PDB file of N, CA and C in Angstrom:
ATOM      1  N   MET A   1       0.832  -1.171   0.000  1.00  0.00           N
ATOM      2  CA  MET A   1       0.000   0.000   0.000  1.00  0.00           C
ATOM      3  C   MET A   1       0.886   1.247   0.000  1.00  0.00           C
ATOM      4  N   LYS A   2       0.790   2.057  -1.013  1.00  0.00           N
ATOM      5  CA  LYS A   2       1.570   3.288  -1.090  1.00  0.00           C
ATOM      6  C   LYS A   2       0.622   4.471  -1.058  1.00  0.00           C
ATOM      7  N   ALA A   3       0.850   5.376  -0.140  1.00  0.00           N
ATOM      8  CA  ALA A   3       0.007   6.554   0.001  1.00  0.00           C
ATOM      9  C   ALA A   3       0.263   7.554  -1.121  1.00  0.00           C
ATOM     10  N   GLU A   4      -0.778   8.243  -1.522  1.00  0.00           N
ATOM     11  CA  GLU A   4      -0.669   9.286  -2.537  1.00  0.00           C
ATOM     12  C   GLU A   4      -0.633  10.676  -1.912  1.00  0.00           C
ATOM     13  N   TYR A   5      -0.999  10.783  -0.626  1.00  0.00           N
ATOM     14  CA  TYR A   5      -0.980  12.071   0.056  1.00  0.00           C
ATOM     15  C   TYR A   5      -0.810  11.842   1.559  1.00  0.00           C
ATOM     16  N   PRO A   6      -0.345  12.869   2.299  1.00  0.00           N
ATOM     17  CA  PRO A   6      -0.115  12.734   3.737  1.00  0.00           C
ATOM     18  C   PRO A   6      -1.381  12.359   4.501  1.00  0.00           C
ATOM     19  N   GLY A   7      -1.226  11.476   5.455  1.00  0.00           N
ATOM     20  CA  GLY A   7      -2.328  11.082   6.320  1.00  0.00           C
ATOM     21  C   GLY A   7      -3.260  10.039   5.748  1.00  0.00           C
ATOM     22  N   GLU A   8      -2.999   9.585   4.529  1.00  0.00           N
ATOM     23  CA  GLU A   8      -3.877   8.601   3.908  1.00  0.00           C
ATOM     24  C   GLU A   8      -3.804   7.261   4.629  1.00  0.00           C
ATOM     25  N   TYR A   9      -2.586   6.791   4.899  1.00  0.00           N
ATOM     26  CA  TYR A   9      -2.378   5.528   5.619  1.00  0.00           C
ATOM     27  C   TYR A   9      -1.427   5.777   6.779  1.00  0.00           C
ATOM     28  N   ILE A  10      -1.829   5.379   7.970  1.00  0.00           N
ATOM     29  CA  ILE A  10      -0.993   5.478   9.162  1.00  0.00           C
ATOM     30  C   ILE A  10      -0.777   4.064   9.681  1.00  0.00           C
ATOM     31  N   HIS A  11       0.469   3.621   9.709  1.00  0.00           N
ATOM     32  CA  HIS A  11       0.830   2.281  10.179  1.00  0.00           C
ATOM     33  C   HIS A  11       1.147   2.376  11.668  1.00  0.00           C
ATOM     34  N   MET A  12       0.495   1.532  12.486  1.00  0.00           N
ATOM     35  CA  MET A  12       0.639   1.626  13.935  1.00  0.00           C
ATOM     36  C   MET A  12       1.066   0.306  14.562  1.00  0.00           C
ATOM     37  N   ILE A  13       2.065   0.419  15.429  1.00  0.00           N
ATOM     38  CA  ILE A  13       2.471  -0.709  16.269  1.00  0.00           C
ATOM     39  C   ILE A  13       2.585  -0.191  17.705  1.00  0.00           C
ATOM     40  N   ILE A  14       2.682  -1.104  18.637  1.00  0.00           N
ATOM     41  CA  ILE A  14       2.909  -0.711  20.026  1.00  0.00           C
ATOM     42  C   ILE A  14       4.070  -1.524  20.585  1.00  0.00           C
ATOM     43  N   ALA A  15       4.673  -0.957  21.603  1.00  0.00           N
ATOM     44  CA  ALA A  15       5.713  -1.668  22.353  1.00  0.00           C
ATOM     45  C   ALA A  15       5.419  -1.462  23.825  1.00  0.00           C
ATOM     46  N   GLU A  16       5.490  -2.534  24.587  1.00  0.00           N
ATOM     47  CA  GLU A  16       5.336  -2.405  26.036  1.00  0.00           C
ATOM     48  C   GLU A  16       6.732  -2.309  26.616  1.00  0.00           C
ATOM     49  N   ILE A  17       6.999  -1.202  27.296  1.00  0.00           N
ATOM     50  CA  ILE A  17       8.338  -0.973  27.841  1.00  0.00           C
ATOM     51  C   ILE A  17       8.242  -0.661  29.337  1.00  0.00           C
ATOM     52  N   PRO A  18       9.240  -1.106  30.089  1.00  0.00           N
ATOM     53  CA  PRO A  18       9.242  -0.806  31.530  1.00  0.00           C
ATOM     54  C   PRO A  18       9.835   0.577  31.795  1.00  0.00           C
ATOM     55  N   THR A  19       9.315   1.241  32.814  1.00  0.00           N
ATOM     56  CA  THR A  19       9.907   2.485  33.280  1.00  0.00           C
ATOM     57  C   THR A  19      10.154   2.355  34.777  1.00  0.00           C
ATOM     58  N   LEU A  20      11.126   3.086  35.266  1.00  0.00           N
ATOM     59  CA  LEU A  20      11.430   3.023  36.698  1.00  0.00           C
ATOM     60  C   LEU A  20      10.314   3.644  37.529  1.00  0.00           C
ATOM     61  N   LYS A  21       9.721   4.716  37.012  1.00  0.00           N
ATOM     62  CA  LYS A  21       8.712   5.443  37.783  1.00  0.00           C
ATOM     63  C   LYS A  21       7.335   4.789  37.737  1.00  0.00           C
ATOM     64  N   ASP A  22       6.882   4.424  36.535  1.00  0.00           N
ATOM     65  CA  ASP A  22       5.494   4.013  36.369  1.00  0.00           C
ATOM     66  C   ASP A  22       5.273   2.527  36.140  1.00  0.00           C
ATOM     67  N   GLY A  23       6.315   1.748  36.025  1.00  0.00           N
ATOM     68  CA  GLY A  23       6.143   0.338  35.688  1.00  0.00           C
ATOM     69  C   GLY A  23       5.995   0.175  34.191  1.00  0.00           C
ATOM     70  N   LYS A  24       5.122  -0.694  33.757  1.00  0.00           N
ATOM     71  CA  LYS A  24       4.965  -0.949  32.332  1.00  0.00           C
ATOM     72  C   LYS A  24       4.160   0.160  31.657  1.00  0.00           C
ATOM     73  N   THR A  25       4.648   0.579  30.496  1.00  0.00           N
ATOM     74  CA  THR A  25       3.941   1.563  29.685  1.00  0.00           C
ATOM     75  C   THR A  25       3.777   1.022  28.273  1.00  0.00           C
ATOM     76  N   ILE A  26       2.794   1.551  27.592  1.00  0.00           N
ATOM     77  CA  ILE A  26       2.544   1.224  26.193  1.00  0.00           C
ATOM     78  C   ILE A  26       3.037   2.408  25.370  1.00  0.00           C
ATOM     79  N   LEU A  27       3.950   2.158  24.448  1.00  0.00           N
ATOM     80  CA  LEU A  27       4.447   3.181  23.539  1.00  0.00           C
ATOM     81  C   LEU A  27       3.798   2.949  22.182  1.00  0.00           C
ATOM     82  N   PHE A  28       3.026   3.929  21.724  1.00  0.00           N
ATOM     83  CA  PHE A  28       2.430   3.872  20.395  1.00  0.00           C
ATOM     84  C   PHE A  28       3.445   4.424  19.404  1.00  0.00           C
ATOM     85  N   ILE A  29       3.680   3.715  18.329  1.00  0.00           N
ATOM     86  CA  ILE A  29       4.523   4.212  17.245  1.00  0.00           C
ATOM     87  C   ILE A  29       3.664   4.164  15.990  1.00  0.00           C
ATOM     88  N   SER A  30       3.337   5.340  15.491  1.00  0.00           N
ATOM     89  CA  SER A  30       2.416   5.482  14.368  1.00  0.00           C
ATOM     90  C   SER A  30       3.126   6.276  13.282  1.00  0.00           C
ATOM     91  N   VAL A  31       3.211   5.717  12.083  1.00  0.00           N
ATOM     92  CA  VAL A  31       4.020   6.310  11.030  1.00  0.00           C
ATOM     93  C   VAL A  31       3.166   6.556   9.788  1.00  0.00           C
ATOM     94  N   ASP A  32       3.219   7.788   9.294  1.00  0.00           N
ATOM     95  CA  ASP A  32       2.532   8.157   8.058  1.00  0.00           C
ATOM     96  C   ASP A  32       3.247   7.495   6.880  1.00  0.00           C
ATOM     97  N   ASN A  33       2.513   6.733   6.103  1.00  0.00           N
ATOM     98  CA  ASN A  33       3.069   6.019   4.955  1.00  0.00           C
ATOM     99  C   ASN A  33       3.667   6.978   3.937  1.00  0.00           C
ATOM    100  N   TYR A  34       3.086   8.140   3.753  1.00  0.00           N
ATOM    101  CA  TYR A  34       3.509   9.086   2.718  1.00  0.00           C
ATOM    102  C   TYR A  34       4.826   9.785   3.078  1.00  0.00           C
ATOM    103  N   SER A  35       4.875  10.385   4.258  1.00  0.00           N
ATOM    104  CA  SER A  35       6.021  11.221   4.635  1.00  0.00           C
ATOM    105  C   SER A  35       6.983  10.551   5.597  1.00  0.00           C
ATOM    106  N   ARG A  36       6.577   9.422   6.151  1.00  0.00           N
ATOM    107  CA  ARG A  36       7.320   8.725   7.209  1.00  0.00           C
ATOM    108  C   ARG A  36       7.386   9.551   8.485  1.00  0.00           C
ATOM    109  N   TYR A  37       6.459  10.508   8.616  1.00  0.00           N
ATOM    110  CA  TYR A  37       6.333  11.279   9.844  1.00  0.00           C
ATOM    111  C   TYR A  37       5.850  10.329  10.938  1.00  0.00           C
ATOM    112  N   ALA A  38       6.486  10.378  12.092  1.00  0.00           N
ATOM    113  CA  ALA A  38       6.127   9.475  13.186  1.00  0.00           C
ATOM    114  C   ALA A  38       5.413  10.238  14.296  1.00  0.00           C
ATOM    115  N   PHE A  39       4.283   9.705  14.708  1.00  0.00           N
ATOM    116  CA  PHE A  39       3.558  10.187  15.876  1.00  0.00           C
ATOM    117  C   PHE A  39       3.880   9.186  16.986  1.00  0.00           C
ATOM    118  N   SER A  40       4.173   9.669  18.167  1.00  0.00           N
ATOM    119  CA  SER A  40       4.361   8.711  19.258  1.00  0.00           C
ATOM    120  C   SER A  40       3.708   9.261  20.512  1.00  0.00           C
ATOM    121  N   ASP A  41       3.377   8.358  21.374  1.00  0.00           N
ATOM    122  CA  ASP A  41       2.698   8.696  22.617  1.00  0.00           C
ATOM    123  C   ASP A  41       2.887   7.497  23.542  1.00  0.00           C
ATOM    124  N   ALA A  42       2.809   7.718  24.819  1.00  0.00           N
ATOM    125  CA  ALA A  42       2.923   6.618  25.769  1.00  0.00           C
ATOM    126  C   ALA A  42       1.823   6.738  26.814  1.00  0.00           C
ATOM    127  N   VAL A  43       1.303   5.593  27.214  1.00  0.00           N
ATOM    128  CA  VAL A  43       0.279   5.524  28.258  1.00  0.00           C
ATOM    129  C   VAL A  43       0.635   4.376  29.196  1.00  0.00           C
ATOM    130  N   LEU A  44       0.109   4.428  30.386  1.00  0.00           N
ATOM    131  CA  LEU A  44       0.340   3.329  31.319  1.00  0.00           C
ATOM    132  C   LEU A  44      -0.353   2.066  30.835  1.00  0.00           C
ATOM    133  N   SER A  45       0.302   0.942  31.022  1.00  0.00           N
ATOM    134  CA  SER A  45      -0.265  -0.357  30.686  1.00  0.00           C
ATOM    135  C   SER A  45      -1.349  -0.672  31.706  1.00  0.00           C
ATOM    136  N   PRO A  46      -2.384  -1.385  31.366  1.00  0.00           N
ATOM    137  CA  PRO A  46      -2.663  -2.088  30.117  1.00  0.00           C
ATOM    138  C   PRO A  46      -3.351  -1.175  29.099  1.00  0.00           C
ATOM    139  N   LEU A  47      -3.316  -1.592  27.845  1.00  0.00           N
ATOM    140  CA  LEU A  47      -3.978  -0.885  26.769  1.00  0.00           C
ATOM    141  C   LEU A  47      -5.488  -0.986  26.945  1.00  0.00           C
ATOM    142  N   SER A  48      -6.173   0.125  26.719  1.00  0.00           N
ATOM    143  CA  SER A  48      -7.636   0.125  26.777  1.00  0.00           C
ATOM    144  C   SER A  48      -8.173   0.877  25.562  1.00  0.00           C
ATOM    145  N   PHE A  49      -9.446   0.730  25.310  1.00  0.00           N
ATOM    146  CA  PHE A  49     -10.105   1.439  24.227  1.00  0.00           C
ATOM    147  C   PHE A  49      -9.940   2.946  24.400  1.00  0.00           C
ATOM    148  N   GLU A  50     -10.125   3.432  25.609  1.00  0.00           N
ATOM    149  CA  GLU A  50     -10.033   4.859  25.883  1.00  0.00           C
ATOM    150  C   GLU A  50      -8.625   5.387  25.642  1.00  0.00           C
ATOM    151  N   LYS A  51      -7.610   4.644  26.050  1.00  0.00           N
ATOM    152  CA  LYS A  51      -6.226   5.075  25.841  1.00  0.00           C
ATOM    153  C   LYS A  51      -5.877   5.090  24.357  1.00  0.00           C
ATOM    154  N   LEU A  52      -6.313   4.082  23.634  1.00  0.00           N
ATOM    155  CA  LEU A  52      -6.077   4.036  22.198  1.00  0.00           C
ATOM    156  C   LEU A  52      -6.781   5.206  21.511  1.00  0.00           C
ATOM    157  N   CYS A  53      -8.016   5.472  21.885  1.00  0.00           N
ATOM    158  CA  CYS A  53      -8.761   6.584  21.288  1.00  0.00           C
ATOM    159  C   CYS A  53      -8.104   7.934  21.592  1.00  0.00           C
ATOM    160  N   GLY A  54      -7.519   8.072  22.763  1.00  0.00           N
ATOM    161  CA  GLY A  54      -6.802   9.302  23.098  1.00  0.00           C
ATOM    162  C   GLY A  54      -5.662   9.552  22.128  1.00  0.00           C
ATOM    163  N   HIS A  55      -4.899   8.498  21.828  1.00  0.00           N
ATOM    164  CA  HIS A  55      -3.798   8.617  20.871  1.00  0.00           C
ATOM    165  C   HIS A  55      -4.337   8.908  19.468  1.00  0.00           C
ATOM    166  N   LEU A  56      -5.362   8.188  19.055  1.00  0.00           N
ATOM    167  CA  LEU A  56      -5.947   8.404  17.733  1.00  0.00           C
ATOM    168  C   LEU A  56      -6.501   9.819  17.595  1.00  0.00           C
ATOM    169  N   ASP A  57      -7.165  10.308  18.622  1.00  0.00           N
ATOM    170  CA  ASP A  57      -7.725  11.658  18.578  1.00  0.00           C
ATOM    171  C   ASP A  57      -6.634  12.716  18.412  1.00  0.00           C
ATOM    172  N   LYS A  58      -5.519  12.564  19.117  1.00  0.00           N
ATOM    173  CA  LYS A  58      -4.409  13.517  18.977  1.00  0.00           C
ATOM    174  C   LYS A  58      -3.886  13.518  17.547  1.00  0.00           C
ATOM    175  N   MET A  59      -3.710  12.327  16.980  1.00  0.00           N
ATOM    176  CA  MET A  59      -3.228  12.245  15.608  1.00  0.00           C
ATOM    177  C   MET A  59      -4.224  12.860  14.635  1.00  0.00           C
ATOM    178  N   MET A  60      -5.495  12.558  14.820  1.00  0.00           N
ATOM    179  CA  MET A  60      -6.510  13.069  13.908  1.00  0.00           C
ATOM    180  C   MET A  60      -6.632  14.595  14.012  1.00  0.00           C
ATOM    181  N   ASP A  61      -6.446  15.154  15.197  1.00  0.00           N
ATOM    182  CA  ASP A  61      -6.445  16.613  15.351  1.00  0.00           C
ATOM    183  C   ASP A  61      -5.297  17.229  14.547  1.00  0.00           C
ATOM    184  N   LYS A  62      -4.111  16.630  14.667  1.00  0.00           N
ATOM    185  CA  LYS A  62      -2.932  17.129  13.929  1.00  0.00           C
ATOM    186  C   LYS A  62      -3.135  16.976  12.434  1.00  0.00           C
ATOM    187  N   LEU A  63      -3.608  15.807  12.007  1.00  0.00           N
ATOM    188  CA  LEU A  63      -3.855  15.585  10.582  1.00  0.00           C
ATOM    189  C   LEU A  63      -4.909  16.551  10.046  1.00  0.00           C
ATOM    190  N   GLY A  64      -5.978  16.761  10.809  1.00  0.00           N
ATOM    191  CA  GLY A  64      -7.035  17.663  10.381  1.00  0.00           C
ATOM    192  C   GLY A  64      -6.555  19.095  10.246  1.00  0.00           C
ATOM    193  N   ALA A  65      -5.672  19.517  11.151  1.00  0.00           N
ATOM    194  CA  ALA A  65      -5.127  20.876  11.083  1.00  0.00           C
ATOM    195  C   ALA A  65      -4.178  21.031   9.892  1.00  0.00           C
ATOM    196  N   ASP A  66      -3.349  20.017   9.658  1.00  0.00           N
ATOM    197  CA  ASP A  66      -2.348  20.087   8.583  1.00  0.00           C
ATOM    198  C   ASP A  66      -2.903  19.708   7.214  1.00  0.00           C
ATOM    199  N   HIS A  67      -3.872  18.819   7.179  1.00  0.00           N
ATOM    200  CA  HIS A  67      -4.404  18.287   5.918  1.00  0.00           C
ATOM    201  C   HIS A  67      -5.924  18.145   6.016  1.00  0.00           C
ATOM    202  N   PRO A  68      -6.639  19.267   5.981  1.00  0.00           N
ATOM    203  CA  PRO A  68      -8.100  19.209   6.115  1.00  0.00           C
ATOM    204  C   PRO A  68      -8.733  18.302   5.048  1.00  0.00           C
ATOM    205  N   GLY A  69      -9.738  17.587   5.456  1.00  0.00           N
ATOM    206  CA  GLY A  69     -10.458  16.723   4.527  1.00  0.00           C
ATOM    207  C   GLY A  69      -9.930  15.311   4.415  1.00  0.00           C
ATOM    208  N   VAL A  70      -8.757  15.048   4.985  1.00  0.00           N
ATOM    209  CA  VAL A  70      -8.190  13.707   4.918  1.00  0.00           C
ATOM    210  C   VAL A  70      -8.918  12.792   5.893  1.00  0.00           C
ATOM    211  N   ILE A  71      -9.339  11.640   5.416  1.00  0.00           N
ATOM    212  CA  ILE A  71      -9.901  10.606   6.281  1.00  0.00           C
ATOM    213  C   ILE A  71      -8.865   9.486   6.326  1.00  0.00           C
ATOM    214  N   PRO A  72      -8.130   9.384   7.435  1.00  0.00           N
ATOM    215  CA  PRO A  72      -7.037   8.418   7.491  1.00  0.00           C
ATOM    216  C   PRO A  72      -7.507   6.975   7.606  1.00  0.00           C
ATOM    217  N   THR A  73      -6.688   6.093   7.071  1.00  0.00           N
ATOM    218  CA  THR A  73      -6.849   4.659   7.284  1.00  0.00           C
ATOM    219  C   THR A  73      -5.712   4.237   8.201  1.00  0.00           C
ATOM    220  N   PHE A  74      -6.057   3.713   9.360  1.00  0.00           N
ATOM    221  CA  PHE A  74      -5.064   3.244  10.327  1.00  0.00           C
ATOM    222  C   PHE A  74      -4.861   1.753  10.104  1.00  0.00           C
ATOM    223  N   ILE A  75      -3.619   1.377   9.870  1.00  0.00           N
ATOM    224  CA  ILE A  75      -3.259  -0.023   9.677  1.00  0.00           C
ATOM    225  C   ILE A  75      -2.580  -0.472  10.959  1.00  0.00           C
ATOM    226  N   LEU A  76      -3.261  -1.311  11.722  1.00  0.00           N
ATOM    227  CA  LEU A  76      -2.842  -1.659  13.075  1.00  0.00           C
ATOM    228  C   LEU A  76      -2.271  -3.066  13.164  1.00  0.00           C
ATOM    229  N   ALA A  77      -1.246  -3.193  13.998  1.00  0.00           N
ATOM    230  CA  ALA A  77      -0.662  -4.505  14.292  1.00  0.00           C
ATOM    231  C   ALA A  77      -1.148  -5.005  15.654  1.00  0.00           C
ATOM    232  N   PHE A  78      -2.155  -4.382  16.215  1.00  0.00           N
ATOM    233  CA  PHE A  78      -2.665  -4.730  17.538  1.00  0.00           C
ATOM    234  C   PHE A  78      -4.116  -4.293  17.629  1.00  0.00           C
ATOM    235  N   GLY A  79      -4.814  -4.737  18.655  1.00  0.00           N
ATOM    236  CA  GLY A  79      -6.149  -4.249  18.959  1.00  0.00           C
ATOM    237  C   GLY A  79      -7.281  -4.806  18.122  1.00  0.00           C
ATOM    238  N   GLU A  80      -7.063  -5.948  17.487  1.00  0.00           N
ATOM    239  CA  GLU A  80      -8.120  -6.503  16.647  1.00  0.00           C
ATOM    240  C   GLU A  80      -9.423  -6.719  17.424  1.00  0.00           C
ATOM    241  N   GLU A  81      -9.302  -7.000  18.713  1.00  0.00           N
ATOM    242  CA  GLU A  81     -10.495  -7.205  19.531  1.00  0.00           C
ATOM    243  C   GLU A  81     -11.306  -5.916  19.700  1.00  0.00           C
ATOM    244  N   LEU A  82     -10.708  -4.767  19.356  1.00  0.00           N
ATOM    245  CA  LEU A  82     -11.385  -3.476  19.477  1.00  0.00           C
ATOM    246  C   LEU A  82     -11.959  -2.991  18.149  1.00  0.00           C
ATOM    247  N   GLN A  83     -11.802  -3.777  17.086  1.00  0.00           N
ATOM    248  CA  GLN A  83     -12.114  -3.279  15.746  1.00  0.00           C
ATOM    249  C   GLN A  83     -13.553  -2.787  15.593  1.00  0.00           C
ATOM    250  N   PHE A  84     -14.524  -3.479  16.136  1.00  0.00           N
ATOM    251  CA  PHE A  84     -15.906  -3.066  15.935  1.00  0.00           C
ATOM    252  C   PHE A  84     -16.224  -1.790  16.717  1.00  0.00           C
ATOM    253  N   ARG A  85     -15.666  -1.674  17.912  1.00  0.00           N
ATOM    254  CA  ARG A  85     -15.854  -0.445  18.693  1.00  0.00           C
ATOM    255  C   ARG A  85     -15.196   0.739  17.995  1.00  0.00           C
ATOM    256  N   LEU A  86     -13.973   0.534  17.459  1.00  0.00           N
ATOM    257  CA  LEU A  86     -13.279   1.616  16.752  1.00  0.00           C
ATOM    258  C   LEU A  86     -14.054   2.050  15.513  1.00  0.00           C
ATOM    259  N   LYS A  87     -14.502   1.088  14.744  1.00  0.00           N
ATOM    260  CA  LYS A  87     -15.245   1.417  13.523  1.00  0.00           C
ATOM    261  C   LYS A  87     -16.529   2.181  13.850  1.00  0.00           C
ATOM    262  N   ALA A  88     -17.222   1.797  14.907  1.00  0.00           N
ATOM    263  CA  ALA A  88     -18.452   2.495  15.299  1.00  0.00           C
ATOM    264  C   ALA A  88     -18.146   3.897  15.829  1.00  0.00           C
ATOM    265  N   TYR A  89     -17.119   4.012  16.653  1.00  0.00           N
ATOM    266  CA  TYR A  89     -16.774   5.283  17.281  1.00  0.00           C
ATOM    267  C   TYR A  89     -16.271   6.304  16.259  1.00  0.00           C
ATOM    268  N   TYR A  90     -15.502   5.842  15.269  1.00  0.00           N
ATOM    269  CA  TYR A  90     -14.892   6.744  14.293  1.00  0.00           C
ATOM    270  C   TYR A  90     -15.596   6.722  12.930  1.00  0.00           C
ATOM    271  N   THR A  91     -16.859   6.328  12.900  1.00  0.00           N
ATOM    272  CA  THR A  91     -17.626   6.292  11.651  1.00  0.00           C
ATOM    273  C   THR A  91     -17.468   7.604  10.892  1.00  0.00           C
ATOM    274  N   GLU A  92     -17.103   7.485   9.618  1.00  0.00           N
ATOM    275  CA  GLU A  92     -16.931   8.609   8.696  1.00  0.00           C
ATOM    276  C   GLU A  92     -15.769   9.535   9.044  1.00  0.00           C
ATOM    277  N   ARG A  93     -14.979   9.221  10.094  1.00  0.00           N
ATOM    278  CA  ARG A  93     -13.803  10.039  10.439  1.00  0.00           C
ATOM    279  C   ARG A  93     -12.509   9.296  10.218  1.00  0.00           C
ATOM    280  N   ALA A  94     -12.560   7.952  10.211  1.00  0.00           N
ATOM    281  CA  ALA A  94     -11.355   7.138  10.031  1.00  0.00           C
ATOM    282  C   ALA A  94     -11.758   5.724   9.658  1.00  0.00           C
ATOM    283  N   ARG A  95     -10.807   5.013   9.047  1.00  0.00           N
ATOM    284  CA  ARG A  95     -10.991   3.598   8.724  1.00  0.00           C
ATOM    285  C   ARG A  95      -9.891   2.803   9.432  1.00  0.00           C
ATOM    286  N   PHE A  96     -10.143   1.516   9.633  1.00  0.00           N
ATOM    287  CA  PHE A  96      -9.183   0.664  10.342  1.00  0.00           C
ATOM    288  C   PHE A  96      -8.992  -0.644   9.597  1.00  0.00           C
ATOM    289  N   ILE A  97      -7.736  -1.028   9.465  1.00  0.00           N
ATOM    290  CA  ILE A  97      -7.360  -2.322   8.899  1.00  0.00           C
ATOM    291  C   ILE A  97      -6.440  -2.979   9.923  1.00  0.00           C
ATOM    292  N   PHE A  98      -6.729  -4.223  10.281  1.00  0.00           N
ATOM    293  CA  PHE A  98      -5.882  -4.954  11.222  1.00  0.00           C
ATOM    294  C   PHE A  98      -5.054  -5.938  10.413  1.00  0.00           C
ATOM    295  N   ASN A  99      -3.779  -5.576  10.221  1.00  0.00           N
ATOM    296  CA  ASN A  99      -2.885  -6.362   9.378  1.00  0.00           C
ATOM    297  C   ASN A  99      -1.472  -6.213   9.922  1.00  0.00           C
ATOM    298  N   VAL A 100      -1.024  -7.191  10.679  1.00  0.00           N
ATOM    299  CA  VAL A 100       0.274  -7.118  11.353  1.00  0.00           C
ATOM    300  C   VAL A 100       1.426  -6.938  10.364  1.00  0.00           C
ATOM    301  N   PRO A 101       1.548  -7.775   9.317  1.00  0.00           N
ATOM    302  CA  PRO A 101       2.679  -7.590   8.394  1.00  0.00           C
ATOM    303  C   PRO A 101       2.683  -6.206   7.728  1.00  0.00           C
ATOM    304  N   GLU A 102       1.529  -5.729   7.333  1.00  0.00           N
ATOM    305  CA  GLU A 102       1.450  -4.416   6.675  1.00  0.00           C
ATOM    306  C   GLU A 102       1.822  -3.290   7.642  1.00  0.00           C
ATOM    307  N   ALA A 103       1.329  -3.340   8.869  1.00  0.00           N
ATOM    308  CA  ALA A 103       1.669  -2.315   9.866  1.00  0.00           C
ATOM    309  C   ALA A 103       3.161  -2.337  10.159  1.00  0.00           C
ATOM    310  N   ASN A 104       3.721  -3.535  10.322  1.00  0.00           N
ATOM    311  CA  ASN A 104       5.149  -3.666  10.619  1.00  0.00           C
ATOM    312  C   ASN A 104       6.032  -3.193   9.472  1.00  0.00           C
ATOM    313  N   SER A 105       5.565  -3.327   8.240  1.00  0.00           N
ATOM    314  CA  SER A 105       6.403  -2.986   7.088  1.00  0.00           C
ATOM    315  C   SER A 105       6.872  -1.533   7.114  1.00  0.00           C
ATOM    316  N   ILE A 106       6.079  -0.640   7.646  1.00  0.00           N
ATOM    317  CA  ILE A 106       6.431   0.781   7.706  1.00  0.00           C
ATOM    318  C   ILE A 106       6.841   1.190   9.115  1.00  0.00           C
ATOM    319  N   ALA A 107       6.098   0.783  10.124  1.00  0.00           N
ATOM    320  CA  ALA A 107       6.330   1.274  11.484  1.00  0.00           C
ATOM    321  C   ALA A 107       7.507   0.601  12.188  1.00  0.00           C
ATOM    322  N   LYS A 108       7.755  -0.677  11.927  1.00  0.00           N
ATOM    323  CA  LYS A 108       8.815  -1.376  12.662  1.00  0.00           C
ATOM    324  C   LYS A 108      10.207  -0.806  12.385  1.00  0.00           C
ATOM    325  N   PRO A 109      10.582  -0.499  11.135  1.00  0.00           N
ATOM    326  CA  PRO A 109      11.898   0.114  10.930  1.00  0.00           C
ATOM    327  C   PRO A 109      12.058   1.446  11.669  1.00  0.00           C
ATOM    328  N   VAL A 110      10.999   2.228  11.733  1.00  0.00           N
ATOM    329  CA  VAL A 110      11.053   3.487  12.477  1.00  0.00           C
ATOM    330  C   VAL A 110      11.229   3.206  13.967  1.00  0.00           C
ATOM    331  N   ALA A 111      10.501   2.227  14.483  1.00  0.00           N
ATOM    332  CA  ALA A 111      10.624   1.857  15.900  1.00  0.00           C
ATOM    333  C   ALA A 111      12.034   1.345  16.194  1.00  0.00           C
ATOM    334  N   ASP A 112      12.572   0.516  15.310  1.00  0.00           N
ATOM    335  CA  ASP A 112      13.926   0.002  15.508  1.00  0.00           C
ATOM    336  C   ASP A 112      14.937   1.142  15.581  1.00  0.00           C
ATOM    337  N   ASP A 113      14.812   2.124  14.681  1.00  0.00           N
ATOM    338  CA  ASP A 113      15.711   3.282  14.699  1.00  0.00           C
ATOM    339  C   ASP A 113      15.547   4.088  15.982  1.00  0.00           C
ATOM    340  N   LEU A 114      14.311   4.232  16.434  1.00  0.00           N
ATOM    341  CA  LEU A 114      14.048   4.960  17.675  1.00  0.00           C
ATOM    342  C   LEU A 114      14.726   4.274  18.860  1.00  0.00           C
ATOM    343  N   PHE A 115      14.556   2.964  18.966  1.00  0.00           N
ATOM    344  CA  PHE A 115      15.149   2.245  20.094  1.00  0.00           C
ATOM    345  C   PHE A 115      16.678   2.220  20.022  1.00  0.00           C
ATOM    346  N   LYS A 116      17.248   2.164  18.818  1.00  0.00           N
ATOM    347  CA  LYS A 116      18.709   2.245  18.670  1.00  0.00           C
ATOM    348  C   LYS A 116      19.215   3.607  19.139  1.00  0.00           C
ATOM    349  N   SER A 117      18.499   4.657  18.764  1.00  0.00           N
ATOM    350  CA  SER A 117      18.870   6.007  19.168  1.00  0.00           C
ATOM    351  C   SER A 117      18.811   6.173  20.689  1.00  0.00           C
ATOM    352  N   ILE A 118      17.756   5.653  21.298  1.00  0.00           N
ATOM    353  CA  ILE A 118      17.619   5.732  22.759  1.00  0.00           C
ATOM    354  C   ILE A 118      18.733   4.935  23.428  1.00  0.00           C
ATOM    355  N   SER A 119      19.024   3.759  22.901  1.00  0.00           N
ATOM    356  CA  SER A 119      20.063   2.915  23.468  1.00  0.00           C
ATOM    357  C   SER A 119      21.429   3.612  23.419  1.00  0.00           C
ATOM    358  N   LYS A 120      21.734   4.274  22.310  1.00  0.00           N
ATOM    359  CA  LYS A 120      22.996   4.990  22.170  1.00  0.00           C
ATOM    360  C   LYS A 120      23.111   6.095  23.216  1.00  0.00           C
ATOM    361  N   ARG A 121      22.020   6.792  23.461  1.00  0.00           N
ATOM    362  CA  ARG A 121      22.037   7.886  24.428  1.00  0.00           C
ATOM    363  C   ARG A 121      22.361   7.408  25.823  1.00  0.00           C
ATOM    364  N   PHE A 122      21.850   6.221  26.175  1.00  0.00           N
ATOM    365  CA  PHE A 122      22.117   5.678  27.506  1.00  0.00           C
ATOM    366  C   PHE A 122      23.525   5.127  27.639  1.00  0.00           C
ATOM    367  N   LYS A 123      24.118   4.706  26.534  1.00  0.00           N
ATOM    368  CA  LYS A 123      25.473   4.177  26.565  1.00  0.00           C
ATOM    369  C   LYS A 123      26.504   5.275  26.680  1.00  0.00           C
ATOM    370  N   ASN A 124      26.172   6.475  26.206  1.00  0.00           N
ATOM    371  CA  ASN A 124      27.128   7.604  26.236  1.00  0.00           C
ATOM    372  C   ASN A 124      27.124   8.309  27.543  1.00  0.00           C
TER     373      ASN A 124
END
């Protein structure tokens, strides 16, 4: 899937990472297929519908401000059990595809680079 304009396809993965202060957190890594712009956000584990919607709403606000009229398709590598709630909640504002290989194809390399960068900072 190749995007023709910004915000058309957003590939999303999550990583559960430990923190010293809060315990386990969920890191959302969401990457625009067109520009490779990455949106990220973190919430306390466990993942919930409300936490996911909070992240989606922030992205949609940014996309709407930068690219009015775009209805994004989110390609997710997680949350398939939430698909019907998401589709109902975001009717006519967003679409959702649950496809792990497709989501990973764009978002995982960005996540890998992010974690390498963080790792380097801690080593120095």
